[in-house]
Amino acid sequence: MEELKPIFSHVKILYLNLRELECLTGSKDPESASKLLQYGPKLVIVKMGSKGSYLVLSEARIRVPPYKPKKVVDTTGAGDVFAAALTAGLLKGLSLWDSALFASVAAGLKVERKGARNGIPYEKEVLSIFKEVKSKLEKELIT
């Protein structure tokens, strides 16, 4: 961990899967990602595959549900699609929650298709489903 400190001081958002989290913190508990904030990242995102993701900030913890694919065909690249979609959402001005939910949908759609590159869904498709998922989640929170 000591050798990574100089690098982490330049990192704003750190994406990790559970295996990487365990290597860095000694634990697969997503909350252990909070230990990494002291080294510089403002946001640590733990990608948990079919269990969704866990976002850790100094002031908050956010559990993002997975988007359940109709059928899992190929998980190759799903984590990368998630990271790219979340980053794209933030760059487009979406809130952290909306960006993470958008990323969850993108990763869920990716696993329905074969190929790390050929399986990447188009933004328009992700956006359409994202709106449905967000609306459904908001209704569940209200009722």
N, C-alpha and C. Protein backbone atom coordinates (compact mmCIF):
# COMPACT_ATOMS: atom_id res chain seq x y z
N MET A 1 0.82 -1.19 0.00
CA MET A 1 0.00 0.00 0.00
C MET A 1 0.87 1.26 0.00
N GLU A 2 1.97 1.20 0.69
CA GLU A 2 2.85 2.37 0.79
C GLU A 2 3.30 2.86 -0.58
N GLU A 3 3.61 1.94 -1.47
CA GLU A 3 4.09 2.34 -2.80
C GLU A 3 2.99 2.99 -3.65
N LEU A 4 1.73 2.78 -3.28
CA LEU A 4 0.62 3.38 -4.03
C LEU A 4 0.23 4.77 -3.53
N LYS A 5 0.66 5.14 -2.34
CA LYS A 5 0.27 6.43 -1.77
C LYS A 5 0.57 7.61 -2.69
N PRO A 6 1.76 7.68 -3.30
CA PRO A 6 2.03 8.82 -4.19
C PRO A 6 1.09 8.87 -5.40
N ILE A 7 0.65 7.73 -5.86
CA ILE A 7 -0.27 7.67 -7.00
C ILE A 7 -1.67 8.08 -6.56
N PHE A 8 -2.12 7.53 -5.44
CA PHE A 8 -3.47 7.82 -4.95
C PHE A 8 -3.69 9.30 -4.66
N SER A 9 -2.62 10.02 -4.36
CA SER A 9 -2.78 11.45 -4.07
C SER A 9 -3.23 12.23 -5.32
N HIS A 10 -3.10 11.63 -6.49
CA HIS A 10 -3.52 12.26 -7.75
C HIS A 10 -4.84 11.70 -8.28
N VAL A 11 -5.43 10.78 -7.55
CA VAL A 11 -6.64 10.10 -8.00
C VAL A 11 -7.88 10.77 -7.41
N LYS A 12 -8.84 11.10 -8.26
CA LYS A 12 -10.11 11.68 -7.78
C LYS A 12 -11.14 10.57 -7.56
N ILE A 13 -11.24 9.67 -8.55
CA ILE A 13 -12.20 8.56 -8.47
C ILE A 13 -11.42 7.26 -8.63
N LEU A 14 -11.58 6.36 -7.67
CA LEU A 14 -10.89 5.08 -7.70
C LEU A 14 -11.94 3.98 -7.88
N TYR A 15 -11.82 3.24 -8.98
CA TYR A 15 -12.71 2.11 -9.26
C TYR A 15 -12.01 0.82 -8.87
N LEU A 16 -12.70 -0.03 -8.11
CA LEU A 16 -12.14 -1.32 -7.69
C LEU A 16 -13.20 -2.40 -7.79
N ASN A 17 -12.77 -3.62 -8.09
CA ASN A 17 -13.67 -4.75 -7.92
C ASN A 17 -13.39 -5.33 -6.53
N LEU A 18 -14.13 -6.35 -6.13
CA LEU A 18 -13.97 -6.89 -4.78
C LEU A 18 -12.59 -7.52 -4.56
N ARG A 19 -12.03 -8.14 -5.57
CA ARG A 19 -10.70 -8.75 -5.44
C ARG A 19 -9.64 -7.66 -5.23
N GLU A 20 -9.75 -6.58 -5.99
CA GLU A 20 -8.80 -5.47 -5.84
C GLU A 20 -8.96 -4.80 -4.47
N LEU A 21 -10.20 -4.66 -4.03
CA LEU A 21 -10.47 -4.09 -2.71
C LEU A 21 -9.80 -4.93 -1.63
N GLU A 22 -9.93 -6.24 -1.73
CA GLU A 22 -9.32 -7.12 -0.74
C GLU A 22 -7.80 -7.01 -0.75
N CYS A 23 -7.21 -6.89 -1.93
CA CYS A 23 -5.75 -6.74 -2.03
C CYS A 23 -5.28 -5.46 -1.33
N LEU A 24 -6.06 -4.40 -1.45
CA LEU A 24 -5.65 -3.11 -0.89
C LEU A 24 -6.00 -2.93 0.58
N THR A 25 -7.10 -3.55 1.01
CA THR A 25 -7.57 -3.30 2.38
C THR A 25 -7.54 -4.54 3.27
N GLY A 26 -7.41 -5.72 2.66
CA GLY A 26 -7.46 -6.95 3.44
C GLY A 26 -8.87 -7.45 3.68
N SER A 27 -9.86 -6.79 3.08
CA SER A 27 -11.26 -7.16 3.29
C SER A 27 -12.06 -7.01 2.00
N LYS A 28 -13.06 -7.89 1.85
CA LYS A 28 -13.99 -7.77 0.73
C LYS A 28 -15.24 -6.99 1.11
N ASP A 29 -15.30 -6.52 2.34
CA ASP A 29 -16.43 -5.70 2.78
C ASP A 29 -16.34 -4.35 2.08
N PRO A 30 -17.36 -3.99 1.29
CA PRO A 30 -17.30 -2.72 0.55
C PRO A 30 -17.02 -1.50 1.43
N GLU A 31 -17.44 -1.55 2.67
CA GLU A 31 -17.20 -0.43 3.58
C GLU A 31 -15.70 -0.22 3.84
N SER A 32 -14.90 -1.28 3.67
CA SER A 32 -13.45 -1.14 3.88
C SER A 32 -12.83 -0.17 2.89
N ALA A 33 -13.54 0.14 1.82
CA ALA A 33 -13.04 1.12 0.83
C ALA A 33 -12.87 2.49 1.47
N SER A 34 -13.56 2.74 2.57
CA SER A 34 -13.44 4.05 3.23
C SER A 34 -12.01 4.29 3.72
N LYS A 35 -11.27 3.22 3.99
CA LYS A 35 -9.87 3.36 4.42
C LYS A 35 -9.02 4.04 3.34
N LEU A 36 -9.43 3.89 2.09
CA LEU A 36 -8.63 4.40 0.97
C LEU A 36 -8.80 5.91 0.77
N LEU A 37 -9.85 6.48 1.33
CA LEU A 37 -10.09 7.92 1.17
C LEU A 37 -8.95 8.75 1.77
N GLN A 38 -8.32 8.24 2.81
CA GLN A 38 -7.25 9.00 3.47
C GLN A 38 -6.03 9.20 2.58
N TYR A 39 -5.93 8.43 1.51
CA TYR A 39 -4.77 8.52 0.62
C TYR A 39 -4.99 9.47 -0.56
N GLY A 40 -6.17 10.07 -0.65
CA GLY A 40 -6.37 11.07 -1.70
C GLY A 40 -7.63 10.98 -2.53
N PRO A 41 -8.10 9.78 -2.88
CA PRO A 41 -9.32 9.73 -3.70
C PRO A 41 -10.50 10.42 -3.00
N LYS A 42 -11.31 11.11 -3.78
CA LYS A 42 -12.51 11.76 -3.24
C LYS A 42 -13.69 10.80 -3.25
N LEU A 43 -13.60 9.80 -4.14
CA LEU A 43 -14.67 8.83 -4.32
C LEU A 43 -14.05 7.47 -4.63
N VAL A 44 -14.47 6.46 -3.89
CA VAL A 44 -14.05 5.08 -4.17
C VAL A 44 -15.30 4.31 -4.56
N ILE A 45 -15.23 3.66 -5.72
CA ILE A 45 -16.37 2.91 -6.23
C ILE A 45 -16.01 1.43 -6.26
N VAL A 46 -16.79 0.64 -5.54
CA VAL A 46 -16.57 -0.80 -5.50
C VAL A 46 -17.58 -1.45 -6.43
N LYS A 47 -17.06 -2.09 -7.48
CA LYS A 47 -17.92 -2.79 -8.44
C LYS A 47 -18.11 -4.21 -7.92
N MET A 48 -19.39 -4.59 -7.74
CA MET A 48 -19.69 -5.88 -7.13
C MET A 48 -20.46 -6.81 -8.07
N GLY A 49 -20.32 -6.59 -9.37
CA GLY A 49 -20.95 -7.47 -10.35
C GLY A 49 -22.46 -7.51 -10.20
N SER A 50 -22.99 -8.71 -10.07
CA SER A 50 -24.44 -8.90 -10.00
C SER A 50 -25.06 -8.33 -8.72
N LYS A 51 -24.23 -7.88 -7.79
CA LYS A 51 -24.74 -7.28 -6.55
C LYS A 51 -24.76 -5.75 -6.62
N GLY A 52 -24.41 -5.19 -7.78
CA GLY A 52 -24.45 -3.74 -7.93
C GLY A 52 -23.11 -3.10 -7.60
N SER A 53 -23.18 -1.92 -7.02
CA SER A 53 -21.95 -1.20 -6.68
C SER A 53 -22.14 -0.45 -5.38
N TYR A 54 -21.01 -0.04 -4.81
CA TYR A 54 -21.01 0.67 -3.53
C TYR A 54 -20.10 1.87 -3.69
N LEU A 55 -20.64 3.05 -3.46
CA LEU A 55 -19.91 4.29 -3.63
C LEU A 55 -19.56 4.85 -2.26
N VAL A 56 -18.29 5.16 -2.08
CA VAL A 56 -17.81 5.64 -0.79
C VAL A 56 -17.21 7.04 -0.95
N LEU A 57 -17.82 7.98 -0.25
CA LEU A 57 -17.31 9.35 -0.16
C LEU A 57 -17.08 9.64 1.32
N SER A 58 -16.36 10.69 1.63
CA SER A 58 -16.12 10.99 3.05
C SER A 58 -17.44 11.26 3.78
N GLU A 59 -18.40 11.87 3.08
CA GLU A 59 -19.65 12.27 3.73
C GLU A 59 -20.83 11.34 3.49
N ALA A 60 -20.65 10.31 2.68
CA ALA A 60 -21.80 9.45 2.36
C ALA A 60 -21.37 8.09 1.84
N ARG A 61 -22.30 7.16 1.93
CA ARG A 61 -22.16 5.83 1.34
C ARG A 61 -23.41 5.61 0.50
N ILE A 62 -23.24 5.11 -0.71
CA ILE A 62 -24.38 4.91 -1.60
C ILE A 62 -24.32 3.50 -2.17
N ARG A 63 -25.36 2.72 -1.94
CA ARG A 63 -25.45 1.39 -2.54
C ARG A 63 -26.32 1.51 -3.79
N VAL A 64 -25.78 1.11 -4.92
CA VAL A 64 -26.49 1.21 -6.20
C VAL A 64 -26.91 -0.19 -6.62
N PRO A 65 -28.19 -0.39 -6.87
CA PRO A 65 -28.66 -1.72 -7.25
C PRO A 65 -28.18 -2.09 -8.65
N PRO A 66 -28.04 -3.39 -8.90
CA PRO A 66 -27.67 -3.81 -10.26
C PRO A 66 -28.88 -3.71 -11.19
N TYR A 67 -28.60 -3.58 -12.46
CA TYR A 67 -29.65 -3.74 -13.46
C TYR A 67 -29.60 -5.21 -13.84
N LYS A 68 -30.69 -5.90 -13.62
CA LYS A 68 -30.72 -7.35 -13.86
C LYS A 68 -30.88 -7.64 -15.35
N PRO A 69 -29.88 -8.27 -15.96
CA PRO A 69 -30.00 -8.63 -17.38
C PRO A 69 -31.03 -9.73 -17.58
N LYS A 70 -31.60 -9.75 -18.77
CA LYS A 70 -32.56 -10.81 -19.09
C LYS A 70 -31.86 -12.16 -19.13
N LYS A 71 -30.64 -12.16 -19.67
CA LYS A 71 -29.86 -13.39 -19.77
C LYS A 71 -28.38 -13.00 -19.78
N VAL A 72 -27.57 -13.67 -18.98
CA VAL A 72 -26.14 -13.40 -18.96
C VAL A 72 -25.47 -14.21 -20.06
N VAL A 73 -24.83 -13.50 -20.99
CA VAL A 73 -24.15 -14.14 -22.12
C VAL A 73 -22.64 -14.06 -21.95
N ASP A 74 -22.12 -12.88 -21.58
CA ASP A 74 -20.68 -12.68 -21.50
C ASP A 74 -20.40 -11.50 -20.56
N THR A 75 -19.75 -11.78 -19.44
CA THR A 75 -19.46 -10.71 -18.48
C THR A 75 -18.17 -9.95 -18.78
N THR A 76 -17.43 -10.40 -19.78
CA THR A 76 -16.17 -9.74 -20.13
C THR A 76 -16.39 -8.27 -20.43
N GLY A 77 -15.70 -7.43 -19.71
CA GLY A 77 -15.77 -5.99 -19.97
C GLY A 77 -16.89 -5.26 -19.25
N ALA A 78 -17.72 -5.97 -18.51
CA ALA A 78 -18.85 -5.30 -17.84
C ALA A 78 -18.38 -4.26 -16.83
N GLY A 79 -17.34 -4.57 -16.09
CA GLY A 79 -16.81 -3.61 -15.12
C GLY A 79 -16.24 -2.37 -15.80
N ASP A 80 -15.59 -2.59 -16.93
CA ASP A 80 -15.05 -1.45 -17.70
C ASP A 80 -16.17 -0.59 -18.27
N VAL A 81 -17.23 -1.25 -18.74
CA VAL A 81 -18.39 -0.50 -19.25
C VAL A 81 -19.01 0.31 -18.11
N PHE A 82 -19.11 -0.30 -16.94
CA PHE A 82 -19.66 0.41 -15.78
C PHE A 82 -18.83 1.66 -15.48
N ALA A 83 -17.51 1.50 -15.40
CA ALA A 83 -16.63 2.63 -15.08
C ALA A 83 -16.72 3.73 -16.14
N ALA A 84 -16.72 3.33 -17.40
CA ALA A 84 -16.80 4.31 -18.49
C ALA A 84 -18.13 5.05 -18.48
N ALA A 85 -19.22 4.32 -18.25
CA ALA A 85 -20.55 4.94 -18.25
C ALA A 85 -20.72 5.88 -17.06
N LEU A 86 -20.21 5.49 -15.90
CA LEU A 86 -20.33 6.36 -14.74
C LEU A 86 -19.52 7.65 -14.96
N THR A 87 -18.32 7.49 -15.46
CA THR A 87 -17.48 8.66 -15.74
C THR A 87 -18.15 9.56 -16.78
N ALA A 88 -18.70 8.96 -17.82
CA ALA A 88 -19.39 9.74 -18.87
C ALA A 88 -20.58 10.48 -18.28
N GLY A 89 -21.34 9.82 -17.41
CA GLY A 89 -22.48 10.48 -16.77
C GLY A 89 -22.06 11.70 -15.97
N LEU A 90 -20.99 11.56 -15.20
CA LEU A 90 -20.50 12.70 -14.42
C LEU A 90 -20.03 13.83 -15.33
N LEU A 91 -19.32 13.48 -16.40
CA LEU A 91 -18.83 14.50 -17.33
C LEU A 91 -19.97 15.22 -18.05
N LYS A 92 -21.10 14.52 -18.21
CA LYS A 92 -22.27 15.14 -18.86
C LYS A 92 -23.12 15.94 -17.88
N GLY A 93 -22.72 15.93 -16.62
CA GLY A 93 -23.43 16.74 -15.63
C GLY A 93 -24.50 16.01 -14.84
N LEU A 94 -24.59 14.68 -14.98
CA LEU A 94 -25.55 13.92 -14.17
C LEU A 94 -25.07 13.89 -12.72
N SER A 95 -25.98 13.73 -11.80
CA SER A 95 -25.61 13.57 -10.40
C SER A 95 -24.85 12.26 -10.23
N LEU A 96 -24.21 12.10 -9.09
CA LEU A 96 -23.48 10.86 -8.83
C LEU A 96 -24.44 9.67 -8.84
N TRP A 97 -25.61 9.82 -8.20
CA TRP A 97 -26.60 8.74 -8.17
C TRP A 97 -27.04 8.37 -9.58
N ASP A 98 -27.42 9.37 -10.38
CA ASP A 98 -27.88 9.10 -11.74
C ASP A 98 -26.77 8.49 -12.59
N SER A 99 -25.56 8.98 -12.42
CA SER A 99 -24.42 8.43 -13.17
C SER A 99 -24.20 6.97 -12.82
N ALA A 100 -24.29 6.64 -11.54
CA ALA A 100 -24.08 5.26 -11.10
C ALA A 100 -25.21 4.35 -11.58
N LEU A 101 -26.43 4.85 -11.56
CA LEU A 101 -27.57 4.07 -12.04
C LEU A 101 -27.46 3.86 -13.55
N PHE A 102 -27.07 4.91 -14.27
CA PHE A 102 -26.84 4.83 -15.72
C PHE A 102 -25.77 3.77 -16.00
N ALA A 103 -24.70 3.78 -15.21
CA ALA A 103 -23.62 2.81 -15.37
C ALA A 103 -24.08 1.39 -15.08
N SER A 104 -24.94 1.24 -14.09
CA SER A 104 -25.48 -0.07 -13.75
C SER A 104 -26.28 -0.64 -14.92
N VAL A 105 -27.08 0.20 -15.54
CA VAL A 105 -27.86 -0.23 -16.71
C VAL A 105 -26.92 -0.60 -17.86
N ALA A 106 -25.92 0.22 -18.10
CA ALA A 106 -24.97 -0.04 -19.20
C ALA A 106 -24.27 -1.38 -18.99
N ALA A 107 -23.81 -1.65 -17.78
CA ALA A 107 -23.13 -2.91 -17.49
C ALA A 107 -24.09 -4.10 -17.61
N GLY A 108 -25.32 -3.91 -17.15
CA GLY A 108 -26.32 -4.98 -17.26
C GLY A 108 -26.64 -5.32 -18.70
N LEU A 109 -26.72 -4.31 -19.54
CA LEU A 109 -26.96 -4.56 -20.97
C LEU A 109 -25.75 -5.21 -21.62
N LYS A 110 -24.56 -4.82 -21.19
CA LYS A 110 -23.33 -5.38 -21.75
C LYS A 110 -23.29 -6.90 -21.57
N VAL A 111 -23.66 -7.38 -20.39
CA VAL A 111 -23.53 -8.82 -20.13
C VAL A 111 -24.55 -9.65 -20.91
N GLU A 112 -25.53 -9.01 -21.51
CA GLU A 112 -26.50 -9.73 -22.35
C GLU A 112 -25.92 -10.04 -23.73
N ARG A 113 -24.73 -9.51 -24.01
CA ARG A 113 -24.14 -9.63 -25.36
C ARG A 113 -22.74 -10.22 -25.30
N LYS A 114 -22.37 -10.84 -26.39
CA LYS A 114 -21.05 -11.45 -26.48
C LYS A 114 -20.02 -10.43 -26.95
N GLY A 115 -18.85 -10.52 -26.35
CA GLY A 115 -17.73 -9.69 -26.78
C GLY A 115 -17.47 -8.50 -25.89
N ALA A 116 -16.19 -8.29 -25.60
CA ALA A 116 -15.82 -7.15 -24.76
C ALA A 116 -16.10 -5.83 -25.47
N ARG A 117 -15.85 -5.77 -26.76
CA ARG A 117 -16.09 -4.53 -27.52
C ARG A 117 -17.44 -4.55 -28.23
N ASN A 118 -17.71 -5.62 -28.92
CA ASN A 118 -18.97 -5.71 -29.68
C ASN A 118 -20.20 -5.72 -28.79
N GLY A 119 -20.02 -6.06 -27.52
CA GLY A 119 -21.15 -6.12 -26.60
C GLY A 119 -21.49 -4.82 -25.92
N ILE A 120 -20.72 -3.78 -26.19
CA ILE A 120 -20.97 -2.49 -25.53
C ILE A 120 -22.26 -1.87 -26.06
N PRO A 121 -23.19 -1.55 -25.18
CA PRO A 121 -24.46 -0.97 -25.65
C PRO A 121 -24.29 0.50 -26.07
N TYR A 122 -25.17 0.95 -26.93
CA TYR A 122 -25.16 2.34 -27.37
C TYR A 122 -25.80 3.23 -26.31
N GLU A 123 -25.34 4.46 -26.23
CA GLU A 123 -25.82 5.40 -25.22
C GLU A 123 -27.33 5.59 -25.27
N LYS A 124 -27.88 5.70 -26.46
CA LYS A 124 -29.32 5.93 -26.62
C LYS A 124 -30.13 4.79 -25.98
N GLU A 125 -29.68 3.57 -26.19
CA GLU A 125 -30.35 2.40 -25.60
C GLU A 125 -30.25 2.43 -24.08
N VAL A 126 -29.06 2.72 -23.57
CA VAL A 126 -28.85 2.78 -22.12
C VAL A 126 -29.73 3.87 -21.51
N LEU A 127 -29.76 5.02 -22.14
CA LEU A 127 -30.53 6.16 -21.64
C LEU A 127 -32.02 5.84 -21.55
N SER A 128 -32.53 5.15 -22.55
CA SER A 128 -33.95 4.79 -22.56
C SER A 128 -34.30 3.89 -21.37
N ILE A 129 -33.49 2.87 -21.15
CA ILE A 129 -33.75 1.94 -20.05
C ILE A 129 -33.46 2.60 -18.71
N PHE A 130 -32.42 3.42 -18.66
CA PHE A 130 -32.08 4.16 -17.44
C PHE A 130 -33.28 4.98 -16.95
N LYS A 131 -33.95 5.65 -17.87
CA LYS A 131 -35.11 6.47 -17.49
C LYS A 131 -36.21 5.62 -16.88
N GLU A 132 -36.44 4.44 -17.45
CA GLU A 132 -37.45 3.52 -16.91
C GLU A 132 -37.07 3.04 -15.52
N VAL A 133 -35.80 2.63 -15.37
CA VAL A 133 -35.32 2.11 -14.09
C VAL A 133 -35.37 3.19 -13.01
N LYS A 134 -34.94 4.39 -13.35
CA LYS A 134 -34.95 5.50 -12.40
C LYS A 134 -36.37 5.81 -11.95
N SER A 135 -37.28 5.86 -12.89
CA SER A 135 -38.68 6.14 -12.58
C SER A 135 -39.24 5.07 -11.65
N LYS A 136 -38.94 3.82 -11.93
CA LYS A 136 -39.43 2.71 -11.10
C LYS A 136 -38.86 2.81 -9.68
N LEU A 137 -37.57 3.08 -9.57
CA LEU A 137 -36.95 3.20 -8.24
C LEU A 137 -37.53 4.37 -7.45
N GLU A 138 -37.77 5.48 -8.13
CA GLU A 138 -38.35 6.64 -7.46
C GLU A 138 -39.75 6.34 -6.95
N LYS A 139 -40.53 5.61 -7.74
CA LYS A 139 -41.89 5.23 -7.31
C LYS A 139 -41.82 4.31 -6.09
N GLU A 140 -40.85 3.40 -6.09
CA GLU A 140 -40.71 2.48 -4.95
C GLU A 140 -40.33 3.24 -3.68
N LEU A 141 -39.53 4.28 -3.83
CA LEU A 141 -39.11 5.07 -2.67
C LEU A 141 -40.26 5.88 -2.09
N ILE A 142 -41.15 6.32 -2.97
CA ILE A 142 -42.27 7.15 -2.54
C ILE A 142 -43.34 6.32 -1.85
N THR A 143 -43.57 5.10 -2.33
CA THR A 143 -44.63 4.27 -1.75
C THR A 143 -44.15 3.42 -0.61
